[in-house]
């Protein structure tokens, strides 16, 4: 049977102050991810949308042209 590892000090601090729950709540409300991978995904998709012209403004102007 494997030994259980001790939890470190930061685990207790996060648990005590609810930092993980605060981060999760912030992310859900703002849509801004707090992880490195999440930020890279978000920035990458925004950059591609800007370069390829697939942003919200581009779709709004396209819809206006179709109606006219």
PDB file of N, CA and C in Angstrom:
ATOM      1  N   UNK A   1       0.836  -1.161   0.000  1.00  0.00           N
ATOM      2  CA  UNK A   1       0.000   0.000   0.000  1.00  0.00           C
ATOM      3  C   UNK A   1       0.893   1.241   0.000  1.00  0.00           C
ATOM      4  N   UNK A   2       0.564   2.215  -0.877  1.00  0.00           N
ATOM      5  CA  UNK A   2       1.382   3.421  -1.012  1.00  0.00           C
ATOM      6  C   UNK A   2       1.124   4.381   0.142  1.00  0.00           C
ATOM      7  N   UNK A   3       2.162   5.109   0.500  1.00  0.00           N
ATOM      8  CA  UNK A   3       2.025   6.116   1.544  1.00  0.00           C
ATOM      9  C   UNK A   3       1.272   7.320   0.995  1.00  0.00           C
ATOM     10  N   UNK A   4       0.492   7.952   1.842  1.00  0.00           N
ATOM     11  CA  UNK A   4      -0.188   9.185   1.461  1.00  0.00           C
ATOM     12  C   UNK A   4       0.785  10.342   1.591  1.00  0.00           C
ATOM     13  N   UNK A   5       0.776  11.204   0.621  1.00  0.00           N
ATOM     14  CA  UNK A   5       1.657  12.357   0.676  1.00  0.00           C
ATOM     15  C   UNK A   5       1.036  13.432   1.553  1.00  0.00           C
ATOM     16  N   UNK A   6       1.886  14.168   2.239  1.00  0.00           N
ATOM     17  CA  UNK A   6       1.409  15.272   3.057  1.00  0.00           C
ATOM     18  C   UNK A   6       1.003  16.421   2.144  1.00  0.00           C
ATOM     19  N   UNK A   7       0.003  17.139   2.540  1.00  0.00           N
ATOM     20  CA  UNK A   7      -0.412  18.322   1.800  1.00  0.00           C
ATOM     21  C   UNK A   7       0.498  19.470   2.207  1.00  0.00           C
ATOM     22  N   UNK A   8       0.857  20.295   1.238  1.00  0.00           N
ATOM     23  CA  UNK A   8       1.760  21.390   1.557  1.00  0.00           C
ATOM     24  C   UNK A   8       1.003  22.589   2.122  1.00  0.00           C
ATOM     25  N   UNK A   9       1.753  23.599   2.525  1.00  0.00           N
ATOM     26  CA  UNK A   9       1.190  24.789   3.159  1.00  0.00           C
ATOM     27  C   UNK A   9       0.255  25.537   2.226  1.00  0.00           C
ATOM     28  N   UNK A  10       0.616  25.655   0.940  1.00  0.00           N
ATOM     29  CA  UNK A  10      -0.226  26.399   0.009  1.00  0.00           C
ATOM     30  C   UNK A  10      -1.586  25.753  -0.171  1.00  0.00           C
ATOM     31  N   UNK A  11      -1.651  24.437  -0.088  1.00  0.00           N
ATOM     32  CA  UNK A  11      -2.939  23.755  -0.197  1.00  0.00           C
ATOM     33  C   UNK A  11      -3.861  24.204   0.930  1.00  0.00           C
ATOM     34  N   UNK A  12      -3.331  24.309   2.134  1.00  0.00           N
ATOM     35  CA  UNK A  12      -4.137  24.733   3.273  1.00  0.00           C
ATOM     36  C   UNK A  12      -4.554  26.195   3.158  1.00  0.00           C
ATOM     37  N   UNK A  13      -3.664  27.043   2.665  1.00  0.00           N
ATOM     38  CA  UNK A  13      -4.007  28.460   2.508  1.00  0.00           C
ATOM     39  C   UNK A  13      -5.115  28.628   1.472  1.00  0.00           C
ATOM     40  N   UNK A  14      -4.986  27.941   0.346  1.00  0.00           N
ATOM     41  CA  UNK A  14      -6.018  28.016  -0.687  1.00  0.00           C
ATOM     42  C   UNK A  14      -7.357  27.517  -0.157  1.00  0.00           C
ATOM     43  N   UNK A  15      -7.314  26.431   0.574  1.00  0.00           N
ATOM     44  CA  UNK A  15      -8.541  25.849   1.122  1.00  0.00           C
ATOM     45  C   UNK A  15      -9.183  26.787   2.135  1.00  0.00           C
ATOM     46  N   UNK A  16      -8.369  27.386   2.990  1.00  0.00           N
ATOM     47  CA  UNK A  16      -8.872  28.257   4.044  1.00  0.00           C
ATOM     48  C   UNK A  16      -9.573  29.490   3.484  1.00  0.00           C
ATOM     49  N   UNK A  17      -8.967  30.120   2.480  1.00  0.00           N
ATOM     50  CA  UNK A  17      -9.509  31.367   1.953  1.00  0.00           C
ATOM     51  C   UNK A  17     -10.382  31.173   0.716  1.00  0.00           C
ATOM     52  N   UNK A  18     -10.520  29.985   0.240  1.00  0.00           N
ATOM     53  CA  UNK A  18     -11.386  29.709  -0.904  1.00  0.00           C
ATOM     54  C   UNK A  18     -10.891  30.332  -2.197  1.00  0.00           C
ATOM     55  N   UNK A  19      -9.587  30.342  -2.399  1.00  0.00           N
ATOM     56  CA  UNK A  19      -9.025  30.975  -3.587  1.00  0.00           C
ATOM     57  C   UNK A  19      -9.462  30.283  -4.873  1.00  0.00           C
ATOM     58  N   UNK A  20      -9.542  28.985  -4.862  1.00  0.00           N
ATOM     59  CA  UNK A  20      -9.948  28.257  -6.077  1.00  0.00           C
ATOM     60  C   UNK A  20     -11.377  28.616  -6.457  1.00  0.00           C
ATOM     61  N   UNK A  21     -12.256  28.712  -5.484  1.00  0.00           N
ATOM     62  CA  UNK A  21     -13.650  29.069  -5.761  1.00  0.00           C
ATOM     63  C   UNK A  21     -13.750  30.503  -6.274  1.00  0.00           C
ATOM     64  N   UNK A  22     -12.946  31.404  -5.707  1.00  0.00           N
ATOM     65  CA  UNK A  22     -12.944  32.793  -6.170  1.00  0.00           C
ATOM     66  C   UNK A  22     -12.475  32.891  -7.617  1.00  0.00           C
ATOM     67  N   UNK A  23     -11.409  32.153  -7.955  1.00  0.00           N
ATOM     68  CA  UNK A  23     -10.887  32.170  -9.314  1.00  0.00           C
ATOM     69  C   UNK A  23     -11.921  31.612 -10.289  1.00  0.00           C
ATOM     70  N   UNK A  24     -12.580  30.520  -9.896  1.00  0.00           N
ATOM     71  CA  UNK A  24     -13.581  29.895 -10.746  1.00  0.00           C
ATOM     72  C   UNK A  24     -14.760  30.842 -10.980  1.00  0.00           C
ATOM     73  N   UNK A  25     -15.198  31.530  -9.928  1.00  0.00           N
ATOM     74  CA  UNK A  25     -16.316  32.460 -10.025  1.00  0.00           C
ATOM     75  C   UNK A  25     -15.960  33.638 -10.934  1.00  0.00           C
ATOM     76  N   UNK A  26     -14.746  34.178 -10.790  1.00  0.00           N
ATOM     77  CA  UNK A  26     -14.290  35.278 -11.629  1.00  0.00           C
ATOM     78  C   UNK A  26     -14.264  34.865 -13.094  1.00  0.00           C
ATOM     79  N   UNK A  27     -13.749  33.679 -13.359  1.00  0.00           N
ATOM     80  CA  UNK A  27     -13.650  33.197 -14.725  1.00  0.00           C
ATOM     81  C   UNK A  27     -15.031  33.016 -15.351  1.00  0.00           C
ATOM     82  N   UNK A  28     -15.974  32.503 -14.602  1.00  0.00           N
ATOM     83  CA  UNK A  28     -17.318  32.304 -15.142  1.00  0.00           C
ATOM     84  C   UNK A  28     -17.998  33.632 -15.438  1.00  0.00           C
ATOM     85  N   UNK A  29     -17.806  34.632 -14.563  1.00  0.00           N
ATOM     86  CA  UNK A  29     -18.476  35.912 -14.749  1.00  0.00           C
ATOM     87  C   UNK A  29     -17.873  36.733 -15.880  1.00  0.00           C
ATOM     88  N   UNK A  30     -16.556  36.713 -16.032  1.00  0.00           N
ATOM     89  CA  UNK A  30     -15.904  37.573 -17.015  1.00  0.00           C
ATOM     90  C   UNK A  30     -15.593  36.872 -18.324  1.00  0.00           C
ATOM     91  N   UNK A  31     -15.462  35.558 -18.305  1.00  0.00           N
ATOM     92  CA  UNK A  31     -15.079  34.835 -19.514  1.00  0.00           C
ATOM     93  C   UNK A  31     -13.588  34.893 -19.777  1.00  0.00           C
ATOM     94  N   UNK A  32     -12.820  35.382 -18.815  1.00  0.00           N
ATOM     95  CA  UNK A  32     -11.370  35.469 -18.954  1.00  0.00           C
ATOM     96  C   UNK A  32     -10.744  34.310 -18.199  1.00  0.00           C
ATOM     97  N   UNK A  33     -10.079  33.394 -18.880  1.00  0.00           N
ATOM     98  CA  UNK A  33      -9.463  32.267 -18.191  1.00  0.00           C
ATOM     99  C   UNK A  33      -8.238  32.705 -17.387  1.00  0.00           C
ATOM    100  N   UNK A  34      -7.930  32.004 -16.318  1.00  0.00           N
ATOM    101  CA  UNK A  34      -6.803  32.350 -15.464  1.00  0.00           C
ATOM    102  C   UNK A  34      -5.637  31.383 -15.592  1.00  0.00           C
ATOM    103  N   UNK A  35      -5.790  30.339 -16.376  1.00  0.00           N
ATOM    104  CA  UNK A  35      -4.688  29.405 -16.570  1.00  0.00           C
ATOM    105  C   UNK A  35      -3.859  29.848 -17.767  1.00  0.00           C
ATOM    106  N   UNK A  36      -2.609  29.438 -17.804  1.00  0.00           N
ATOM    107  CA  UNK A  36      -1.725  29.813 -18.905  1.00  0.00           C
ATOM    108  C   UNK A  36      -2.271  29.289 -20.230  1.00  0.00           C
ATOM    109  N   UNK A  37      -2.697  28.044 -20.252  1.00  0.00           N
ATOM    110  CA  UNK A  37      -3.220  27.452 -21.482  1.00  0.00           C
ATOM    111  C   UNK A  37      -4.512  28.144 -21.917  1.00  0.00           C
ATOM    112  N   UNK A  38      -5.349  28.492 -20.962  1.00  0.00           N
ATOM    113  CA  UNK A  38      -6.606  29.164 -21.285  1.00  0.00           C
ATOM    114  C   UNK A  38      -6.392  30.542 -21.881  1.00  0.00           C
ATOM    115  N   UNK A  39      -5.446  31.277 -21.313  1.00  0.00           N
ATOM    116  CA  UNK A  39      -5.133  32.612 -21.831  1.00  0.00           C
ATOM    117  C   UNK A  39      -4.552  32.501 -23.237  1.00  0.00           C
ATOM    118  N   UNK A  40      -3.669  31.524 -23.457  1.00  0.00           N
ATOM    119  CA  UNK A  40      -3.091  31.339 -24.786  1.00  0.00           C
ATOM    120  C   UNK A  40      -4.170  30.983 -25.807  1.00  0.00           C
ATOM    121  N   UNK A  41      -5.106  30.128 -25.438  1.00  0.00           N
ATOM    122  CA  UNK A  41      -6.209  29.768 -26.340  1.00  0.00           C
ATOM    123  C   UNK A  41      -7.050  30.983 -26.675  1.00  0.00           C
ATOM    124  N   UNK A  42      -7.399  31.769 -25.643  1.00  0.00           N
ATOM    125  CA  UNK A  42      -8.250  32.941 -25.831  1.00  0.00           C
ATOM    126  C   UNK A  42      -7.565  33.976 -26.726  1.00  0.00           C
ATOM    127  N   UNK A  43      -6.297  34.287 -26.434  1.00  0.00           N
ATOM    128  CA  UNK A  43      -5.567  35.262 -27.236  1.00  0.00           C
ATOM    129  C   UNK A  43      -5.338  34.764 -28.657  1.00  0.00           C
ATOM    130  N   UNK A  44      -5.064  33.482 -28.800  1.00  0.00           N
ATOM    131  CA  UNK A  44      -4.863  32.912 -30.127  1.00  0.00           C
ATOM    132  C   UNK A  44      -6.110  33.004 -30.983  1.00  0.00           C
ATOM    133  N   UNK A  45      -7.254  32.711 -30.399  1.00  0.00           N
ATOM    134  CA  UNK A  45      -8.496  32.782 -31.170  1.00  0.00           C
ATOM    135  C   UNK A  45      -8.849  34.221 -31.512  1.00  0.00           C
ATOM    136  N   UNK A  46      -8.597  35.159 -30.583  1.00  0.00           N
ATOM    137  CA  UNK A  46      -8.859  36.568 -30.877  1.00  0.00           C
ATOM    138  C   UNK A  46      -7.950  37.082 -31.988  1.00  0.00           C
ATOM    139  N   UNK A  47      -6.681  36.686 -31.942  1.00  0.00           N
ATOM    140  CA  UNK A  47      -5.734  37.107 -32.961  1.00  0.00           C
ATOM    141  C   UNK A  47      -6.117  36.548 -34.324  1.00  0.00           C
ATOM    142  N   UNK A  48      -6.480  35.281 -34.383  1.00  0.00           N
ATOM    143  CA  UNK A  48      -6.891  34.683 -35.655  1.00  0.00           C
ATOM    144  C   UNK A  48      -8.153  35.338 -36.196  1.00  0.00           C
ATOM    145  N   UNK A  49      -9.102  35.616 -35.326  1.00  0.00           N
ATOM    146  CA  UNK A  49     -10.324  36.289 -35.763  1.00  0.00           C
ATOM    147  C   UNK A  49     -10.011  37.669 -36.332  1.00  0.00           C
ATOM    148  N   UNK A  50      -9.082  38.383 -35.701  1.00  0.00           N
ATOM    149  CA  UNK A  50      -8.705  39.708 -36.184  1.00  0.00           C
ATOM    150  C   UNK A  50      -8.014  39.625 -37.539  1.00  0.00           C
ATOM    151  N   UNK A  51      -7.072  38.701 -37.662  1.00  0.00           N
ATOM    152  CA  UNK A  51      -6.306  38.582 -38.905  1.00  0.00           C
ATOM    153  C   UNK A  51      -7.196  38.110 -40.055  1.00  0.00           C
ATOM    154  N   UNK A  52      -8.057  37.155 -39.786  1.00  0.00           N
ATOM    155  CA  UNK A  52      -8.900  36.602 -40.851  1.00  0.00           C
ATOM    156  C   UNK A  52     -10.195  37.370 -41.052  1.00  0.00           C
ATOM    157  N   UNK A  53     -10.445  38.362 -40.196  1.00  0.00           N
ATOM    158  CA  UNK A  53     -11.641  39.184 -40.352  1.00  0.00           C
ATOM    159  C   UNK A  53     -12.920  38.470 -39.977  1.00  0.00           C
ATOM    160  N   UNK A  54     -12.839  37.551 -39.016  1.00  0.00           N
ATOM    161  CA  UNK A  54     -14.032  36.814 -38.599  1.00  0.00           C
ATOM    162  C   UNK A  54     -14.603  37.342 -37.296  1.00  0.00           C
ATOM    163  N   UNK A  55     -14.307  38.560 -36.943  1.00  0.00           N
ATOM    164  CA  UNK A  55     -14.760  39.124 -35.676  1.00  0.00           C
ATOM    165  C   UNK A  55     -16.253  39.405 -35.682  1.00  0.00           C
ATOM    166  N   UNK A  56     -16.777  39.854 -34.567  1.00  0.00           N
ATOM    167  CA  UNK A  56     -18.200  40.164 -34.444  1.00  0.00           C
ATOM    168  C   UNK A  56     -18.582  41.325 -35.353  1.00  0.00           C
ATOM    169  N   UNK A  57     -17.672  42.297 -35.509  1.00  0.00           N
ATOM    170  CA  UNK A  57     -17.966  43.438 -36.364  1.00  0.00           C
ATOM    171  C   UNK A  57     -18.110  43.004 -37.811  1.00  0.00           C
ATOM    172  N   UNK A  58     -17.283  42.062 -38.239  1.00  0.00           N
ATOM    173  CA  UNK A  58     -17.338  41.599 -39.624  1.00  0.00           C
ATOM    174  C   UNK A  58     -18.660  40.894 -39.907  1.00  0.00           C
ATOM    175  N   UNK A  59     -19.152  40.090 -38.973  1.00  0.00           N
ATOM    176  CA  UNK A  59     -20.418  39.386 -39.203  1.00  0.00           C
ATOM    177  C   UNK A  59     -21.586  40.359 -39.150  1.00  0.00           C
ATOM    178  N   UNK A  60     -21.508  41.391 -38.328  1.00  0.00           N
ATOM    179  CA  UNK A  60     -22.590  42.359 -38.246  1.00  0.00           C
ATOM    180  C   UNK A  60     -22.697  43.147 -39.556  1.00  0.00           C
ATOM    181  N   UNK A  61     -21.565  43.553 -40.120  1.00  0.00           N
ATOM    182  CA  UNK A  61     -21.594  44.311 -41.374  1.00  0.00           C
ATOM    183  C   UNK A  61     -22.048  43.424 -42.527  1.00  0.00           C
ATOM    184  N   UNK A  62     -21.713  42.153 -42.493  1.00  0.00           N
ATOM    185  CA  UNK A  62     -22.138  41.229 -43.538  1.00  0.00           C
ATOM    186  C   UNK A  62     -23.656  41.049 -43.503  1.00  0.00           C
ATOM    187  N   UNK A  63     -24.227  40.967 -42.332  1.00  0.00           N
ATOM    188  CA  UNK A  63     -25.678  40.821 -42.205  1.00  0.00           C
ATOM    189  C   UNK A  63     -26.386  42.066 -42.720  1.00  0.00           C
ATOM    190  N   UNK A  64     -25.819  43.261 -42.469  1.00  0.00           N
ATOM    191  CA  UNK A  64     -26.419  44.489 -42.947  1.00  0.00           C
ATOM    192  C   UNK A  64     -26.388  44.548 -44.468  1.00  0.00           C
ATOM    193  N   UNK A  65     -25.284  44.073 -45.072  1.00  0.00           N
ATOM    194  CA  UNK A  65     -25.171  44.088 -46.536  1.00  0.00           C
ATOM    195  C   UNK A  65     -26.166  43.136 -47.171  1.00  0.00           C
ATOM    196  N   UNK A  66     -26.420  42.001 -46.526  1.00  0.00           N
ATOM    197  CA  UNK A  66     -27.355  41.025 -47.067  1.00  0.00           C
ATOM    198  C   UNK A  66     -28.777  41.559 -47.048  1.00  0.00           C
ATOM    199  N   UNK A  67     -29.117  42.328 -46.002  1.00  0.00           N
ATOM    200  CA  UNK A  67     -30.470  42.887 -45.898  1.00  0.00           C
ATOM    201  C   UNK A  67     -30.714  43.969 -46.945  1.00  0.00           C
ATOM    202  N   UNK A  68     -29.679  44.698 -47.305  1.00  0.00           N
ATOM    203  CA  UNK A  68     -29.829  45.845 -48.242  1.00  0.00           C
ATOM    204  C   UNK A  68     -29.900  45.409 -49.677  1.00  0.00           C
TER     205      UNK A  68
END
